């Protein structure tokens, strides 16, 4: 009799980020430290089951900014895995250049600001977002992959590819 072994269960977390572009400006949130990931960041968050990835991106933008985005363009995937915990964290990234509505007066995630794209990375922001930001405005799609040791807070391997 042969014994079969199954692969350990993997926990997968699905998130989206959707930058909203208006001409030469992009809408960013200035998140306070108390919200986590302080500094300037794009709207986004966890995909709720059973919504699709794009439905999640559209909902997150609406909840965080008040805008209803349309005609989303998929820009790429940013993910990290932690082999010691069998954890995979995936962020599906979109760009929207078509939207309607008004910005929220009291946004829940932080102050909203239209920022010139060329100046955005000079603002305080997380290193991972600063690395990803220019890729939203380049042709094609991207893949960012990182093997990360969460216990030791150390990157073991990483790659950034244009596809």
Protein backbone atom coordinates (compact mmCIF):
# COMPACT_ATOMS: atom_id res chain seq x y z
CA UNK A 1 0.00 0.00 0.00
CA UNK A 2 1.37 3.43 -0.91
CA UNK A 3 0.90 6.43 1.27
CA UNK A 4 0.21 9.75 -0.36
CA UNK A 5 1.28 13.00 1.15
CA UNK A 6 -0.55 16.18 0.39
CA UNK A 7 1.00 19.59 0.12
CA UNK A 8 0.49 21.81 3.16
CA UNK A 9 -2.38 24.26 2.97
CA UNK A 10 -1.47 27.68 1.66
CA UNK A 11 -3.17 30.82 2.93
CA UNK A 12 -3.77 33.29 0.10
CA UNK A 13 -4.72 36.93 0.68
CA UNK A 14 -6.07 38.84 -2.34
CA UNK A 15 -5.85 42.64 -2.52
CA UNK A 16 -6.24 45.30 -5.18
CA UNK A 17 -4.81 48.75 -5.77
CA UNK A 18 -6.22 51.15 -8.33
CA UNK A 19 -4.53 54.42 -9.17
CA UNK A 20 -6.83 57.09 -10.56
CA UNK A 21 -5.20 59.28 -13.19
CA UNK A 22 -6.51 62.64 -14.39
CA UNK A 23 -4.20 64.00 -17.09
CA UNK A 24 -0.74 64.47 -15.57
CA UNK A 25 -2.00 63.96 -11.99
CA UNK A 26 -2.77 60.91 -9.88
CA UNK A 27 -4.99 60.64 -6.81
CA UNK A 28 -3.16 59.50 -3.68
CA UNK A 29 -4.13 59.00 -0.05
CA UNK A 30 -1.94 60.39 2.71
CA UNK A 31 -2.43 57.65 5.30
CA UNK A 32 -1.74 58.48 8.93
CA UNK A 33 0.48 56.10 10.93
CA UNK A 34 -2.50 54.87 12.97
CA UNK A 35 -4.02 53.33 9.78
CA UNK A 36 -0.86 51.35 8.92
CA UNK A 37 1.34 51.88 5.85
CA UNK A 38 1.78 55.61 6.59
CA UNK A 39 2.57 58.05 3.81
CA UNK A 40 1.17 58.43 0.32
CA UNK A 41 -0.43 55.36 -1.21
CA UNK A 42 -3.01 54.44 -3.84
CA UNK A 43 -6.57 53.40 -2.99
CA UNK A 44 -7.10 49.70 -2.51
CA UNK A 45 -7.71 46.88 -0.13
CA UNK A 46 -8.84 43.32 0.41
CA UNK A 47 -10.99 41.59 -2.18
CA UNK A 48 -14.19 40.41 -0.49
CA UNK A 49 -15.50 36.95 -1.38
CA UNK A 50 -17.16 36.32 -3.83
CA UNK A 51 -16.51 39.59 -5.72
CA UNK A 52 -14.18 39.62 -8.72
CA UNK A 53 -10.82 41.37 -8.59
CA UNK A 54 -12.06 44.33 -10.63
CA UNK A 55 -15.24 44.58 -8.55
CA UNK A 56 -13.02 44.73 -5.47
CA UNK A 57 -10.84 47.46 -7.00
CA UNK A 58 -13.88 49.55 -8.00
CA UNK A 59 -15.47 49.14 -4.54
CA UNK A 60 -12.27 50.07 -2.70
CA UNK A 61 -11.80 53.25 -4.78
CA UNK A 62 -15.43 54.24 -4.15
CA UNK A 63 -15.19 53.57 -0.39
CA UNK A 64 -11.86 55.37 0.04
CA UNK A 65 -12.33 58.30 -2.36
CA UNK A 66 -15.99 58.63 -3.37
CA UNK A 67 -15.12 58.25 -7.06
CA UNK A 68 -16.61 55.62 -9.35
CA UNK A 69 -13.87 54.38 -11.66
CA UNK A 70 -14.48 52.88 -15.10
CA UNK A 71 -12.45 51.26 -17.86
CA UNK A 72 -9.83 49.79 -15.52
CA UNK A 73 -6.56 48.68 -17.12
CA UNK A 74 -4.79 45.78 -15.45
CA UNK A 75 -1.18 46.83 -14.81
CA UNK A 76 0.31 43.90 -12.94
CA UNK A 77 0.77 41.73 -9.89
CA UNK A 78 2.80 42.47 -6.78
CA UNK A 79 3.10 39.48 -4.48
CA UNK A 80 5.14 38.08 -1.69
CA UNK A 81 5.31 34.61 -0.23
CA UNK A 82 6.55 33.43 3.14
CA UNK A 83 7.53 29.76 2.76
CA UNK A 84 7.81 29.24 6.54
CA UNK A 85 4.12 30.04 7.06
CA UNK A 86 2.75 28.99 3.62
CA UNK A 87 1.41 32.49 3.13
CA UNK A 88 0.92 34.22 -0.24
CA UNK A 89 -0.09 37.91 -0.39
CA UNK A 90 -1.19 39.09 -3.84
CA UNK A 91 -2.00 42.65 -4.93
CA UNK A 92 -3.65 43.06 -8.35
CA UNK A 93 -2.90 46.54 -9.66
CA UNK A 94 -5.08 48.68 -11.93
CA UNK A 95 -5.07 52.13 -13.50
CA UNK A 96 -8.26 54.09 -14.13
CA UNK A 97 -8.35 57.19 -16.33
CA UNK A 98 -12.14 57.40 -16.46
CA UNK A 99 -14.16 58.24 -13.37
CA UNK A 100 -17.17 60.16 -12.08
CA UNK A 101 -18.29 61.55 -8.76
CA UNK A 102 -16.89 63.88 -6.14
CA UNK A 103 -14.10 63.27 -3.65
CA UNK A 104 -15.21 62.48 -0.11
CA UNK A 105 -14.97 65.38 2.34
CA UNK A 106 -13.85 63.11 5.18
CA UNK A 107 -12.17 60.10 3.56
CA UNK A 108 -11.78 57.10 5.91
CA UNK A 109 -8.20 56.17 4.94
CA UNK A 110 -6.54 59.60 4.97
CA UNK A 111 -6.34 62.92 3.15
CA UNK A 112 -6.90 62.76 -0.63
CA UNK A 113 -4.61 64.73 -2.89
CA UNK A 114 -4.20 65.08 -6.67
CA UNK A 115 -0.44 64.92 -7.19
CA UNK A 116 1.59 65.51 -10.39
CA UNK A 117 2.76 62.04 -11.47
CA UNK A 118 6.32 63.30 -12.02
CA UNK A 119 6.51 64.57 -8.41
CA UNK A 120 4.73 61.73 -6.60
CA UNK A 121 7.74 59.63 -5.63
CA UNK A 122 9.32 62.62 -3.88
CA UNK A 123 6.51 62.40 -1.29
CA UNK A 124 6.85 60.22 1.81
CA UNK A 125 5.69 56.71 0.89
CA UNK A 126 6.42 53.08 1.67
CA UNK A 127 9.40 51.66 -0.25
CA UNK A 128 7.26 48.91 -1.80
CA UNK A 129 4.81 51.48 -3.19
CA UNK A 130 7.61 53.73 -4.45
CA UNK A 131 9.06 50.72 -6.33
CA UNK A 132 5.68 49.88 -7.87
CA UNK A 133 4.42 53.41 -8.62
CA UNK A 134 6.22 54.14 -11.95
CA UNK A 135 5.12 50.78 -13.37
CA UNK A 136 1.49 51.95 -13.43
CA UNK A 137 2.36 54.53 -16.11
CA UNK A 138 4.54 52.35 -18.37
CA UNK A 139 3.32 50.28 -21.31
CA UNK A 140 2.44 46.66 -20.61
CA UNK A 141 2.14 44.81 -17.36
CA UNK A 142 4.50 43.99 -14.53
CA UNK A 143 5.17 41.23 -12.05
CA UNK A 144 6.84 41.86 -8.71
CA UNK A 145 7.65 38.70 -6.78
CA UNK A 146 9.27 38.53 -3.36
CA UNK A 147 10.12 35.66 -1.06
CA UNK A 148 9.99 37.16 2.40
CA UNK A 149 10.82 35.81 5.84
CA UNK A 150 8.19 37.50 8.04
CA UNK A 151 9.75 36.25 11.31
CA UNK A 152 13.10 37.89 10.54
CA UNK A 153 11.63 40.72 8.39
CA UNK A 154 14.06 39.87 5.60
CA UNK A 155 13.74 39.58 1.82
CA UNK A 156 15.23 36.29 0.63
CA UNK A 157 14.60 36.77 -3.10
CA UNK A 158 12.91 39.35 -5.30
CA UNK A 159 12.33 40.12 -8.93
CA UNK A 160 10.63 42.89 -10.88
CA UNK A 161 9.67 41.97 -14.45
CA UNK A 162 8.01 43.79 -17.29
CA UNK A 163 5.79 41.35 -19.17
